[in-house]
Amino acid sequence: MARNKQSSQRTAQATADGYENFVARVGMQTPNQHSASTYRANFTSRNRMLVEWSYRGSWVIGEAVDAIPDDMTRKGIRITSEIDAKDRGTLEAQLDELQIWDALNDVLKWSRLYGGAVGFIMIEGQAPMTPLRLETIGEGKFKGILPLDRWMINPVLTRRIKEMGPDLGKPEFYDVVTTATGIPAWRIHHSRLIRFDGVTLPFQQKMTENEWGMSVVERIWDRLTAFDSATVGAAQLVYKAHLRTYSVEKLRELIALGGPAFEALLKNIDLIRQFQSNEGMTLMDSRDKFETHQYSFSGLDDILSQFAEQISGAVGIPLVRLFGQSPKGFSTGDADLANYYDRVSSLQER
């Protein structure tokens, strides 16, 4: 009976949801070109040199990384409490003297470029591995914020925060690994660090990045290469915009024979190139034929605009801010900028 029951059970088969038409070969599971499409990890964030080269060599990457941090820290903060005006001026002057906003700007930039960065709160006379307690900070002991990117400091994954709260499960300590800059090989308590992740990742993906985030470069890499390829291709087409062809009767025979006849042909071509200009004259044999060919550039600007819009959407920065281009048509771009600055404000509050 047991054998009969097992044999009567139907074998499970894998199925895929979605619209399909096998006769027309339409659908993701049918034999067509589109069904081969998929997504694979490129792990651009791990390739530090590639990320740095793109930041130095591509102005699009530079703007994508720098724009939001610059807008977040450009105006600093506005003190709205009832503090004395003199004390407010002293506080603002101290922030400028310690270059707080420049340091935070660098931390934000390197977090977006590398996928993570921290700002070390420098307190003179205190051990970095001890928890930060505000009541123990003496007057004049705060020395500023030191930016450290993810490649300069490593989280200690064997020590976790166990107290209930927003930091539960996060690394308790971080080790400085880049000592060539003169920074000691400290073990720093998490309370002394201001941490930013570039693009926040889910847990399993965060494990692959040593518990850091993802670089903003990784998401736009394919769109960036398409944009740069189209731009360079358009630039190279300029050299082919005005092609000239010169037809010579029995050219192969002249090349094969060589000698005085071939030398005369080369001399003739050199003379044509020497004296030919917009106002000059082209001298040639009556049986030769000279033609010019014009190349049309129509449609290239639309292609570049589409790639630019895709990059703008990928990084969440409007065209007018990222590329300095005004929107086409009747749009002024004010609505896009308003939405963008609302996003910047929300990032500041976080």
C-alpha atoms as a PDB file:
ATOM      1  CA  MET A   1       0.000   0.000   0.000  1.00  0.00           C
ATOM      2  CA  ALA A   2       2.824   2.391   0.886  1.00  0.00           C
ATOM      3  CA  ARG A   3       4.469   1.744  -2.482  1.00  0.00           C
ATOM      4  CA  ASN A   4       1.221   2.381  -4.299  1.00  0.00           C
ATOM      5  CA  LYS A   5       0.738   5.672  -2.448  1.00  0.00           C
ATOM      6  CA  GLN A   6       4.282   6.812  -3.226  1.00  0.00           C
ATOM      7  CA  SER A   7       3.957   5.911  -6.884  1.00  0.00           C
ATOM      8  CA  SER A   8       0.624   7.670  -7.137  1.00  0.00           C
ATOM      9  CA  GLN A   9       2.033  10.948  -5.816  1.00  0.00           C
ATOM     10  CA  ARG A  10       2.828  13.471  -8.498  1.00  0.00           C
ATOM     11  CA  THR A  11       6.389  14.711  -8.813  1.00  0.00           C
ATOM     12  CA  ALA A  12       6.814  18.373  -7.843  1.00  0.00           C
ATOM     13  CA  GLN A  13       7.803  20.601 -10.738  1.00  0.00           C
ATOM     14  CA  ALA A  14       9.257  24.087 -10.562  1.00  0.00           C
ATOM     15  CA  THR A  15       7.030  26.748 -12.074  1.00  0.00           C
ATOM     16  CA  ALA A  16       7.442  30.466 -12.662  1.00  0.00           C
ATOM     17  CA  ASP A  17       4.732  33.047 -12.183  1.00  0.00           C
ATOM     18  CA  GLY A  18       4.085  35.667 -14.819  1.00  0.00           C
ATOM     19  CA  TYR A  19       2.636  36.043 -18.289  1.00  0.00           C
ATOM     20  CA  GLU A  20       3.986  33.638 -20.893  1.00  0.00           C
ATOM     21  CA  ASN A  21       3.168  32.783 -24.505  1.00  0.00           C
ATOM     22  CA  PHE A  22       5.256  29.842 -25.693  1.00  0.00           C
ATOM     23  CA  VAL A  23       3.927  29.978 -29.247  1.00  0.00           C
ATOM     24  CA  ALA A  24       4.921  33.629 -29.655  1.00  0.00           C
ATOM     25  CA  ARG A  25       8.011  33.157 -27.444  1.00  0.00           C
ATOM     26  CA  VAL A  26       6.923  35.965 -25.161  1.00  0.00           C
ATOM     27  CA  GLY A  27       7.726  35.876 -21.449  1.00  0.00           C
ATOM     28  CA  MET A  28      10.707  35.456 -19.169  1.00  0.00           C
ATOM     29  CA  GLN A  29      10.630  31.632 -19.242  1.00  0.00           C
ATOM     30  CA  THR A  30      10.320  31.275 -23.017  1.00  0.00           C
ATOM     31  CA  PRO A  31      13.288  30.855 -25.416  1.00  0.00           C
ATOM     32  CA  ASN A  32      13.919  34.480 -26.359  1.00  0.00           C
ATOM     33  CA  GLN A  33      16.726  36.968 -25.881  1.00  0.00           C
ATOM     34  CA  HIS A  34      15.028  38.836 -23.050  1.00  0.00           C
ATOM     35  CA  SER A  35      14.645  35.692 -20.938  1.00  0.00           C
ATOM     36  CA  ALA A  36      18.443  35.552 -20.575  1.00  0.00           C
ATOM     37  CA  SER A  37      18.411  38.836 -18.634  1.00  0.00           C
ATOM     38  CA  THR A  38      19.435  38.675 -14.983  1.00  0.00           C
ATOM     39  CA  TYR A  39      21.244  40.610 -12.253  1.00  0.00           C
ATOM     40  CA  ARG A  40      24.592  39.657 -10.805  1.00  0.00           C
ATOM     41  CA  ALA A  41      26.726  41.173  -8.098  1.00  0.00           C
ATOM     42  CA  ASN A  42      29.572  43.359  -9.371  1.00  0.00           C
ATOM     43  CA  PHE A  43      31.031  44.238  -5.934  1.00  0.00           C
ATOM     44  CA  THR A  44      32.390  47.548  -7.176  1.00  0.00           C
ATOM     45  CA  SER A  45      32.521  48.811  -3.585  1.00  0.00           C
ATOM     46  CA  ARG A  46      35.250  46.282  -2.772  1.00  0.00           C
ATOM     47  CA  ASN A  47      37.503  47.507  -5.574  1.00  0.00           C
ATOM     48  CA  ARG A  48      38.975  50.501  -3.776  1.00  0.00           C
ATOM     49  CA  MET A  49      41.356  51.462  -6.571  1.00  0.00           C
ATOM     50  CA  LEU A  50      38.620  51.385  -9.209  1.00  0.00           C
ATOM     51  CA  VAL A  51      36.343  53.539  -7.055  1.00  0.00           C
ATOM     52  CA  GLU A  52      39.135  56.041  -6.432  1.00  0.00           C
ATOM     53  CA  TRP A  53      40.140  56.190 -10.098  1.00  0.00           C
ATOM     54  CA  SER A  54      36.551  56.819 -11.130  1.00  0.00           C
ATOM     55  CA  TYR A  55      36.251  59.568  -8.501  1.00  0.00           C
ATOM     56  CA  ARG A  56      39.392  61.267  -9.781  1.00  0.00           C
ATOM     57  CA  GLY A  57      38.766  60.724 -13.483  1.00  0.00           C
ATOM     58  CA  SER A  58      35.000  61.146 -13.868  1.00  0.00           C
ATOM     59  CA  TRP A  59      33.375  64.468 -13.047  1.00  0.00           C
ATOM     60  CA  VAL A  60      29.994  62.706 -12.984  1.00  0.00           C
ATOM     61  CA  ILE A  61      31.165  60.428 -10.168  1.00  0.00           C
ATOM     62  CA  GLY A  62      32.691  63.426  -8.419  1.00  0.00           C
ATOM     63  CA  GLU A  63      29.399  65.318  -8.493  1.00  0.00           C
ATOM     64  CA  ALA A  64      27.386  62.240  -7.522  1.00  0.00           C
ATOM     65  CA  VAL A  65      29.574  61.784  -4.441  1.00  0.00           C
ATOM     66  CA  ASP A  66      30.098  65.437  -3.470  1.00  0.00           C
ATOM     67  CA  ALA A  67      26.769  67.137  -4.219  1.00  0.00           C
ATOM     68  CA  ILE A  68      24.670  65.890  -1.301  1.00  0.00           C
ATOM     69  CA  PRO A  69      27.413  66.252   1.383  1.00  0.00           C
ATOM     70  CA  ASP A  70      28.176  69.776   0.142  1.00  0.00           C
ATOM     71  CA  ASP A  71      24.506  70.751   0.329  1.00  0.00           C
ATOM     72  CA  MET A  72      24.119  69.148   3.763  1.00  0.00           C
ATOM     73  CA  THR A  73      27.028  71.027   5.344  1.00  0.00           C
ATOM     74  CA  ARG A  74      27.145  74.252   3.317  1.00  0.00           C
ATOM     75  CA  LYS A  75      25.170  76.386   5.769  1.00  0.00           C
ATOM     76  CA  GLY A  76      26.145  74.612   8.966  1.00  0.00           C
ATOM     77  CA  ILE A  77      23.490  74.952  11.666  1.00  0.00           C
ATOM     78  CA  ARG A  78      21.306  77.776  12.876  1.00  0.00           C
ATOM     79  CA  ILE A  79      21.164  78.179  16.650  1.00  0.00           C
ATOM     80  CA  THR A  80      17.579  79.060  17.586  1.00  0.00           C
ATOM     81  CA  SER A  81      17.804  78.828  21.381  1.00  0.00           C
ATOM     82  CA  GLU A  82      17.738  81.849  23.678  1.00  0.00           C
ATOM     83  CA  ILE A  83      21.475  81.733  24.177  1.00  0.00           C
ATOM     84  CA  ASP A  84      23.276  85.024  24.562  1.00  0.00           C
ATOM     85  CA  ALA A  85      24.349  86.524  21.240  1.00  0.00           C
ATOM     86  CA  LYS A  86      27.963  86.747  22.394  1.00  0.00           C
ATOM     87  CA  ASP A  87      28.009  83.094  23.422  1.00  0.00           C
ATOM     88  CA  ARG A  88      26.404  82.151  20.122  1.00  0.00           C
ATOM     89  CA  GLY A  89      29.145  83.969  18.233  1.00  0.00           C
ATOM     90  CA  THR A  90      31.811  82.264  20.348  1.00  0.00           C
ATOM     91  CA  LEU A  91      30.300  78.846  19.629  1.00  0.00           C
ATOM     92  CA  GLU A  92      30.069  79.482  15.895  1.00  0.00           C
ATOM     93  CA  ALA A  93      33.646  80.780  15.825  1.00  0.00           C
ATOM     94  CA  GLN A  94      34.830  77.659  17.641  1.00  0.00           C
ATOM     95  CA  LEU A  95      33.056  75.440  15.124  1.00  0.00           C
ATOM     96  CA  ASP A  96      34.840  77.269  12.318  1.00  0.00           C
ATOM     97  CA  GLU A  97      38.193  77.147  14.092  1.00  0.00           C
ATOM     98  CA  LEU A  98      37.980  73.390  14.614  1.00  0.00           C
ATOM     99  CA  GLN A  99      36.797  72.938  10.997  1.00  0.00           C
ATOM    100  CA  ILE A 100      33.850  70.848  12.146  1.00  0.00           C
ATOM    101  CA  TRP A 101      31.819  71.295   8.979  1.00  0.00           C
ATOM    102  CA  ASP A 102      34.777  70.510   6.727  1.00  0.00           C
ATOM    103  CA  ALA A 103      35.422  67.324   8.702  1.00  0.00           C
ATOM    104  CA  LEU A 104      31.774  66.236   8.581  1.00  0.00           C
ATOM    105  CA  ASN A 105      31.728  67.029   4.869  1.00  0.00           C
ATOM    106  CA  ASP A 106      34.687  64.694   4.316  1.00  0.00           C
ATOM    107  CA  VAL A 107      33.100  61.940   6.407  1.00  0.00           C
ATOM    108  CA  LEU A 108      29.906  62.141   4.344  1.00  0.00           C
ATOM    109  CA  LYS A 109      31.823  62.192   1.053  1.00  0.00           C
ATOM    110  CA  TRP A 110      34.002  59.192   1.885  1.00  0.00           C
ATOM    111  CA  SER A 111      30.990  57.276   3.176  1.00  0.00           C
ATOM    112  CA  ARG A 112      29.278  57.765  -0.189  1.00  0.00           C
ATOM    113  CA  LEU A 113      32.458  56.998  -2.128  1.00  0.00           C
ATOM    114  CA  TYR A 114      33.636  53.914  -0.226  1.00  0.00           C
ATOM    115  CA  GLY A 115      30.384  52.758   1.346  1.00  0.00           C
ATOM    116  CA  GLY A 116      31.239  53.779   4.897  1.00  0.00           C
ATOM    117  CA  ALA A 117      33.238  56.229   6.998  1.00  0.00           C
ATOM    118  CA  VAL A 118      33.411  57.481  10.573  1.00  0.00           C
ATOM    119  CA  GLY A 119      34.259  60.727  12.304  1.00  0.00           C
ATOM    120  CA  PHE A 120      36.410  60.253  15.410  1.00  0.00           C
ATOM    121  CA  ILE A 121      35.484  62.701  18.177  1.00  0.00           C
ATOM    122  CA  MET A 122      38.896  63.797  19.470  1.00  0.00           C
ATOM    123  CA  ILE A 123      38.944  64.459  23.216  1.00  0.00           C
ATOM    124  CA  GLU A 124      42.346  65.294  24.653  1.00  0.00           C
ATOM    125  CA  GLY A 125      43.390  63.320  27.718  1.00  0.00           C
ATOM    126  CA  GLN A 126      40.925  60.437  27.305  1.00  0.00           C
ATOM    127  CA  ALA A 127      41.602  56.872  26.194  1.00  0.00           C
ATOM    128  CA  PRO A 128      39.893  56.170  22.841  1.00  0.00           C
ATOM    129  CA  MET A 129      38.780  52.677  23.885  1.00  0.00           C
ATOM    130  CA  THR A 130      36.729  53.956  26.836  1.00  0.00           C
ATOM    131  CA  PRO A 131      33.069  55.015  26.474  1.00  0.00           C
ATOM    132  CA  LEU A 132      32.503  58.717  25.859  1.00  0.00           C
ATOM    133  CA  ARG A 133      30.946  60.532  28.816  1.00  0.00           C
ATOM    134  CA  LEU A 134      30.050  64.159  28.239  1.00  0.00           C
ATOM    135  CA  GLU A 135      30.389  65.102  31.912  1.00  0.00           C
ATOM    136  CA  THR A 136      34.091  64.140  31.861  1.00  0.00           C
ATOM    137  CA  ILE A 137      35.064  66.482  29.008  1.00  0.00           C
ATOM    138  CA  GLY A 138      37.061  69.410  30.337  1.00  0.00           C
ATOM    139  CA  GLU A 139      37.058  72.914  28.941  1.00  0.00           C
ATOM    140  CA  GLY A 140      39.088  73.178  25.744  1.00  0.00           C
ATOM    141  CA  LYS A 141      39.621  69.410  25.501  1.00  0.00           C
ATOM    142  CA  PHE A 142      37.479  68.897  22.411  1.00  0.00           C
ATOM    143  CA  LYS A 143      39.907  69.018  19.465  1.00  0.00           C
ATOM    144  CA  GLY A 144      37.622  68.374  16.520  1.00  0.00           C
ATOM    145  CA  ILE A 145      36.533  65.459  14.347  1.00  0.00           C
ATOM    146  CA  LEU A 146      38.942  63.195  12.458  1.00  0.00           C
ATOM    147  CA  PRO A 147      37.539  61.622   9.247  1.00  0.00           C
ATOM    148  CA  LEU A 148      38.373  57.919   8.751  1.00  0.00           C
ATOM    149  CA  ASP A 149      37.061  55.948   5.784  1.00  0.00           C
ATOM    150  CA  ARG A 150      36.215  52.240   5.834  1.00  0.00           C
ATOM    151  CA  TRP A 151      39.675  51.261   4.593  1.00  0.00           C
ATOM    152  CA  MET A 152      41.370  53.083   7.479  1.00  0.00           C
ATOM    153  CA  ILE A 153      39.367  51.473  10.288  1.00  0.00           C
ATOM    154  CA  ASN A 154      37.894  48.011  10.824  1.00  0.00           C
ATOM    155  CA  PRO A 155      34.968  47.038  13.056  1.00  0.00           C
ATOM    156  CA  VAL A 156      35.787  44.430  15.700  1.00  0.00           C
ATOM    157  CA  LEU A 157      33.207  41.806  14.775  1.00  0.00           C
ATOM    158  CA  THR A 158      33.839  39.677  17.871  1.00  0.00           C
ATOM    159  CA  ARG A 159      32.623  42.373  20.290  1.00  0.00           C
ATOM    160  CA  ARG A 160      28.976  43.378  19.970  1.00  0.00           C
ATOM    161  CA  ILE A 161      26.789  45.891  21.756  1.00  0.00           C
ATOM    162  CA  LYS A 162      24.445  43.912  24.004  1.00  0.00           C
ATOM    163  CA  GLU A 163      22.459  46.724  25.603  1.00  0.00           C
ATOM    164  CA  MET A 164      18.913  47.152  24.351  1.00  0.00           C
ATOM    165  CA  GLY A 165      18.658  50.165  22.060  1.00  0.00           C
ATOM    166  CA  PRO A 166      19.230  51.365  18.497  1.00  0.00           C
ATOM    167  CA  ASP A 167      22.860  50.151  18.559  1.00  0.00           C
ATOM    168  CA  LEU A 168      22.045  46.581  19.654  1.00  0.00           C
ATOM    169  CA  GLY A 169      24.146  44.053  17.731  1.00  0.00           C
ATOM    170  CA  LYS A 170      26.487  46.622  16.207  1.00  0.00           C
ATOM    171  CA  PRO A 171      30.285  46.470  16.713  1.00  0.00           C
ATOM    172  CA  GLU A 172      31.378  47.824  20.070  1.00  0.00           C
ATOM    173  CA  PHE A 173      34.928  48.708  19.007  1.00  0.00           C
ATOM    174  CA  TYR A 174      36.789  49.736  15.851  1.00  0.00           C
ATOM    175  CA  ASP A 175      40.507  49.232  15.134  1.00  0.00           C
ATOM    176  CA  VAL A 176      42.573  51.811  13.239  1.00  0.00           C
ATOM    177  CA  VAL A 177      44.553  49.911  10.586  1.00  0.00           C
ATOM    178  CA  THR A 178      46.141  52.752   8.588  1.00  0.00           C
ATOM    179  CA  THR A 179      48.965  54.029  10.753  1.00  0.00           C
ATOM    180  CA  ALA A 180      51.057  55.474   7.909  1.00  0.00           C
ATOM    181  CA  THR A 181      49.218  58.789   8.349  1.00  0.00           C
ATOM    182  CA  GLY A 182      50.596  59.135  11.875  1.00  0.00           C
ATOM    183  CA  ILE A 183      47.391  57.993  13.581  1.00  0.00           C
ATOM    184  CA  PRO A 184      48.185  55.459  16.331  1.00  0.00           C
ATOM    185  CA  ALA A 185      46.782  51.942  16.063  1.00  0.00           C
ATOM    186  CA  TRP A 186      43.958  52.745  18.457  1.00  0.00           C
ATOM    187  CA  ARG A 187      41.007  50.585  19.421  1.00  0.00           C
ATOM    188  CA  ILE A 188      38.161  53.107  19.562  1.00  0.00           C
ATOM    189  CA  HIS A 189      34.877  52.723  21.409  1.00  0.00           C
ATOM    190  CA  HIS A 190      31.814  53.138  19.208  1.00  0.00           C
ATOM    191  CA  SER A 191      30.491  56.043  21.315  1.00  0.00           C
ATOM    192  CA  ARG A 192      33.447  58.157  20.168  1.00  0.00           C
ATOM    193  CA  LEU A 193      32.629  57.668  16.487  1.00  0.00           C
ATOM    194  CA  ILE A 194      30.067  59.287  14.183  1.00  0.00           C
ATOM    195  CA  ARG A 195      29.365  56.597  11.600  1.00  0.00           C
ATOM    196  CA  PHE A 196      27.850  57.028   8.130  1.00  0.00           C
ATOM    197  CA  ASP A 197      27.125  54.304   5.572  1.00  0.00           C
ATOM    198  CA  GLY A 198      26.933  55.140   1.880  1.00  0.00           C
ATOM    199  CA  VAL A 199      23.989  53.000   0.771  1.00  0.00           C
ATOM    200  CA  THR A 200      22.541  50.953   3.621  1.00  0.00           C
ATOM    201  CA  LEU A 201      22.462  47.227   2.852  1.00  0.00           C
ATOM    202  CA  PRO A 202      20.345  44.392   4.270  1.00  0.00           C
ATOM    203  CA  PHE A 203      21.953  42.094   6.816  1.00  0.00           C
ATOM    204  CA  GLN A 204      23.242  39.345   4.514  1.00  0.00           C
ATOM    205  CA  GLN A 205      24.736  41.808   2.037  1.00  0.00           C
ATOM    206  CA  LYS A 206      26.213  43.884   4.837  1.00  0.00           C
ATOM    207  CA  MET A 207      28.139  40.798   5.965  1.00  0.00           C
ATOM    208  CA  THR A 208      29.838  40.670   2.560  1.00  0.00           C
ATOM    209  CA  GLU A 209      31.084  44.249   3.020  1.00  0.00           C
ATOM    210  CA  ASN A 210      32.589  43.755   6.495  1.00  0.00           C
ATOM    211  CA  GLU A 211      29.381  45.280   7.904  1.00  0.00           C
ATOM    212  CA  TRP A 212      29.752  48.527   5.974  1.00  0.00           C
ATOM    213  CA  GLY A 213      27.367  49.905   3.378  1.00  0.00           C
ATOM    214  CA  MET A 214      27.697  50.136  -0.393  1.00  0.00           C
ATOM    215  CA  SER A 215      29.310  52.843  -2.482  1.00  0.00           C
ATOM    216  CA  VAL A 216      26.961  55.035  -4.502  1.00  0.00           C
ATOM    217  CA  VAL A 217      29.289  54.356  -7.449  1.00  0.00           C
ATOM    218  CA  GLU A 218      28.196  50.713  -7.579  1.00  0.00           C
ATOM    219  CA  ARG A 219      24.574  51.459  -8.477  1.00  0.00           C
ATOM    220  CA  ILE A 220      25.378  53.830 -11.315  1.00  0.00           C
ATOM    221  CA  TRP A 221      28.408  52.006 -12.725  1.00  0.00           C
ATOM    222  CA  ASP A 222      26.622  50.463 -15.704  1.00  0.00           C
ATOM    223  CA  ARG A 223      24.810  53.722 -16.506  1.00  0.00           C
ATOM    224  CA  LEU A 224      28.056  55.683 -16.138  1.00  0.00           C
ATOM    225  CA  THR A 225      29.972  53.458 -18.550  1.00  0.00           C
ATOM    226  CA  ALA A 226      27.110  53.740 -21.051  1.00  0.00           C
ATOM    227  CA  PHE A 227      27.114  57.543 -20.731  1.00  0.00           C
ATOM    228  CA  ASP A 228      30.902  57.811 -21.065  1.00  0.00           C
ATOM    229  CA  SER A 229      30.944  55.402 -24.019  1.00  0.00           C
ATOM    230  CA  ALA A 230      28.284  57.427 -25.815  1.00  0.00           C
ATOM    231  CA  THR A 231      30.113  60.681 -25.064  1.00  0.00           C
ATOM    232  CA  VAL A 232      33.491  59.421 -26.279  1.00  0.00           C
ATOM    233  CA  GLY A 233      31.864  57.805 -29.306  1.00  0.00           C
ATOM    234  CA  ALA A 234      30.194  61.084 -30.241  1.00  0.00           C
ATOM    235  CA  ALA A 235      33.510  62.905 -29.874  1.00  0.00           C
ATOM    236  CA  GLN A 236      35.251  60.427 -32.172  1.00  0.00           C
ATOM    237  CA  LEU A 237      32.545  60.830 -34.789  1.00  0.00           C
ATOM    238  CA  VAL A 238      33.632  64.457 -35.182  1.00  0.00           C
ATOM    239  CA  TYR A 239      36.766  63.233 -36.952  1.00  0.00           C
ATOM    240  CA  LYS A 240      34.560  61.349 -39.428  1.00  0.00           C
ATOM    241  CA  ALA A 241      32.087  64.142 -40.005  1.00  0.00           C
ATOM    242  CA  HIS A 242      33.791  65.117 -43.281  1.00  0.00           C
ATOM    243  CA  LEU A 243      35.173  62.094 -45.120  1.00  0.00           C
ATOM    244  CA  ARG A 244      36.825  62.360 -48.532  1.00  0.00           C
ATOM    245  CA  THR A 245      37.344  59.543 -51.017  1.00  0.00           C
ATOM    246  CA  TYR A 246      39.568  59.584 -54.116  1.00  0.00           C
ATOM    247  CA  SER A 247      39.010  56.934 -56.786  1.00  0.00           C
ATOM    248  CA  VAL A 248      41.927  56.029 -59.068  1.00  0.00           C
ATOM    249  CA  GLU A 249      41.580  53.793 -62.105  1.00  0.00           C
ATOM    250  CA  LYS A 250      43.570  50.526 -61.832  1.00  0.00           C
ATOM    251  CA  LEU A 251      44.834  51.408 -58.364  1.00  0.00           C
ATOM    252  CA  ARG A 252      45.629  47.788 -57.439  1.00  0.00           C
ATOM    253  CA  GLU A 253      47.798  47.408 -60.544  1.00  0.00           C
ATOM    254  CA  LEU A 254      49.727  50.577 -59.700  1.00  0.00           C
ATOM    255  CA  ILE A 255      50.346  49.365 -56.156  1.00  0.00           C
ATOM    256  CA  ALA A 256      51.409  45.913 -57.376  1.00  0.00           C
ATOM    257  CA  LEU A 257      53.784  47.270 -60.023  1.00  0.00           C
ATOM    258  CA  GLY A 258      55.378  49.896 -57.823  1.00  0.00           C
ATOM    259  CA  GLY A 259      58.218  51.854 -59.353  1.00  0.00           C
ATOM    260  CA  PRO A 260      57.853  55.292 -60.985  1.00  0.00           C
ATOM    261  CA  ALA A 261      54.118  54.905 -61.595  1.00  0.00           C
ATOM    262  CA  PHE A 262      53.394  54.241 -57.934  1.00  0.00           C
ATOM    263  CA  GLU A 263      55.720  57.049 -56.836  1.00  0.00           C
ATOM    264  CA  ALA A 264      53.896  59.424 -59.183  1.00  0.00           C
ATOM    265  CA  LEU A 265      50.581  58.418 -57.620  1.00  0.00           C
ATOM    266  CA  LEU A 266      51.844  59.152 -54.106  1.00  0.00           C
ATOM    267  CA  LYS A 267      53.253  62.483 -55.257  1.00  0.00           C
ATOM    268  CA  ASN A 268      49.910  63.355 -56.845  1.00  0.00           C
ATOM    269  CA  ILE A 269      48.044  62.593 -53.596  1.00  0.00           C
ATOM    270  CA  ASP A 270      50.534  64.629 -51.560  1.00  0.00           C
ATOM    271  CA  LEU A 271      50.097  67.621 -53.869  1.00  0.00           C
ATOM    272  CA  ILE A 272      46.310  67.388 -53.570  1.00  0.00           C
ATOM    273  CA  ARG A 273      46.502  67.359 -49.753  1.00  0.00           C
ATOM    274  CA  GLN A 274      49.049  70.174 -49.762  1.00  0.00           C
ATOM    275  CA  PHE A 275      47.077  72.656 -51.851  1.00  0.00           C
ATOM    276  CA  GLN A 276      43.534  71.602 -51.075  1.00  0.00           C
ATOM    277  CA  SER A 277      41.644  73.894 -48.681  1.00  0.00           C
ATOM    278  CA  ASN A 278      38.256  75.560 -48.371  1.00  0.00           C
ATOM    279  CA  GLU A 279      39.352  78.132 -50.957  1.00  0.00           C
ATOM    280  CA  GLY A 280      41.811  75.962 -52.894  1.00  0.00           C
ATOM    281  CA  MET A 281      41.481  73.816 -55.971  1.00  0.00           C
ATOM    282  CA  THR A 282      41.620  70.038 -56.336  1.00  0.00           C
ATOM    283  CA  LEU A 283      43.716  69.002 -59.358  1.00  0.00           C
ATOM    284  CA  MET A 284      43.225  65.452 -60.580  1.00  0.00           C
ATOM    285  CA  ASP A 285      43.173  63.325 -63.700  1.00  0.00           C
ATOM    286  CA  SER A 286      40.010  63.421 -65.760  1.00  0.00           C
ATOM    287  CA  ARG A 287      39.429  59.717 -65.125  1.00  0.00           C
ATOM    288  CA  ASP A 288      39.849  60.034 -61.342  1.00  0.00           C
ATOM    289  CA  LYS A 289      36.900  60.711 -59.061  1.00  0.00           C
ATOM    290  CA  PHE A 290      36.857  62.814 -55.878  1.00  0.00           C
ATOM    291  CA  GLU A 291      33.901  62.695 -53.420  1.00  0.00           C
ATOM    292  CA  THR A 292      33.060  64.078 -49.976  1.00  0.00           C
ATOM    293  CA  HIS A 293      30.721  62.414 -47.473  1.00  0.00           C
ATOM    294  CA  GLN A 294      28.913  64.164 -44.642  1.00  0.00           C
ATOM    295  CA  TYR A 295      27.993  62.362 -41.406  1.00  0.00           C
ATOM    296  CA  SER A 296      24.746  63.209 -39.643  1.00  0.00           C
ATOM    297  CA  PHE A 297      24.808  63.689 -35.852  1.00  0.00           C
ATOM    298  CA  SER A 298      21.045  63.804 -35.444  1.00  0.00           C
ATOM    299  CA  GLY A 299      19.770  61.787 -32.484  1.00  0.00           C
ATOM    300  CA  LEU A 300      23.039  61.703 -30.533  1.00  0.00           C
ATOM    301  CA  ASP A 301      21.953  64.492 -28.186  1.00  0.00           C
ATOM    302  CA  ASP A 302      18.769  62.578 -27.347  1.00  0.00           C
ATOM    303  CA  ILE A 303      20.770  59.451 -26.523  1.00  0.00           C
ATOM    304  CA  LEU A 304      23.141  61.378 -24.255  1.00  0.00           C
ATOM    305  CA  SER A 305      20.198  63.103 -22.562  1.00  0.00           C
ATOM    306  CA  GLN A 306      18.550  59.755 -21.831  1.00  0.00           C
ATOM    307  CA  PHE A 307      21.735  58.364 -20.282  1.00  0.00           C
ATOM    308  CA  ALA A 308      22.139  61.550 -18.222  1.00  0.00           C
ATOM    309  CA  GLU A 309      18.572  61.258 -16.940  1.00  0.00           C
ATOM    310  CA  GLN A 310      19.179  57.649 -15.918  1.00  0.00           C
ATOM    311  CA  ILE A 311      22.291  58.639 -13.970  1.00  0.00           C
ATOM    312  CA  SER A 312      20.382  61.490 -12.343  1.00  0.00           C
ATOM    313  CA  GLY A 313      17.632  59.120 -11.272  1.00  0.00           C
ATOM    314  CA  ALA A 314      20.112  56.537  -9.976  1.00  0.00           C
ATOM    315  CA  VAL A 315      21.838  58.980  -7.609  1.00  0.00           C
ATOM    316  CA  GLY A 316      18.699  60.943  -6.727  1.00  0.00           C
ATOM    317  CA  ILE A 317      20.109  64.308  -7.825  1.00  0.00           C
ATOM    318  CA  PRO A 318      18.229  66.469 -10.380  1.00  0.00           C
ATOM    319  CA  LEU A 319      19.784  67.178 -13.767  1.00  0.00           C
ATOM    320  CA  VAL A 320      20.053  70.885 -13.010  1.00  0.00           C
ATOM    321  CA  ARG A 321      22.135  70.101  -9.886  1.00  0.00           C
ATOM    322  CA  LEU A 322      24.157  67.149 -11.179  1.00  0.00           C
ATOM    323  CA  PHE A 323      24.846  68.208 -14.776  1.00  0.00           C
ATOM    324  CA  GLY A 324      24.025  71.914 -14.628  1.00  0.00           C
ATOM    325  CA  GLN A 325      21.436  71.432 -17.382  1.00  0.00           C
ATOM    326  CA  SER A 326      18.007  73.015 -17.443  1.00  0.00           C
ATOM    327  CA  PRO A 327      15.084  70.636 -18.065  1.00  0.00           C
ATOM    328  CA  LYS A 328      13.638  70.457 -21.554  1.00  0.00           C
ATOM    329  CA  GLY A 329      10.168  71.654 -22.458  1.00  0.00           C
ATOM    330  CA  PHE A 330       8.083  73.842 -20.189  1.00  0.00           C
ATOM    331  CA  SER A 331       9.516  72.483 -16.934  1.00  0.00           C
ATOM    332  CA  THR A 332      11.636  74.934 -14.941  1.00  0.00           C
ATOM    333  CA  GLY A 333      13.180  72.308 -12.675  1.00  0.00           C
ATOM    334  CA  ASP A 334      11.992  74.108  -9.540  1.00  0.00           C
ATOM    335  CA  ALA A 335       9.857  71.153  -8.452  1.00  0.00           C
ATOM    336  CA  ASP A 336      12.784  68.752  -8.898  1.00  0.00           C
ATOM    337  CA  LEU A 337      15.067  70.996  -6.856  1.00  0.00           C
ATOM    338  CA  ALA A 338      12.421  71.369  -4.149  1.00  0.00           C
ATOM    339  CA  ASN A 339      12.120  67.594  -3.848  1.00  0.00           C
ATOM    340  CA  TYR A 340      15.905  67.269  -3.829  1.00  0.00           C
ATOM    341  CA  TYR A 341      16.400  69.779  -1.021  1.00  0.00           C
ATOM    342  CA  ASP A 342      13.600  68.100   0.937  1.00  0.00           C
ATOM    343  CA  ARG A 343      15.631  64.902   0.668  1.00  0.00           C
ATOM    344  CA  VAL A 344      18.757  66.726   1.816  1.00  0.00           C
ATOM    345  CA  SER A 345      16.839  68.046   4.831  1.00  0.00           C
ATOM    346  CA  SER A 346      15.641  64.544   5.704  1.00  0.00           C
ATOM    347  CA  LEU A 347      19.216  63.243   5.495  1.00  0.00           C
ATOM    348  CA  GLN A 348      20.357  66.043   7.804  1.00  0.00           C
ATOM    349  CA  GLU A 349      17.720  65.068  10.361  1.00  0.00           C
ATOM    350  CA  ARG A 350      18.838  61.438  10.271  1.00  0.00           C
END
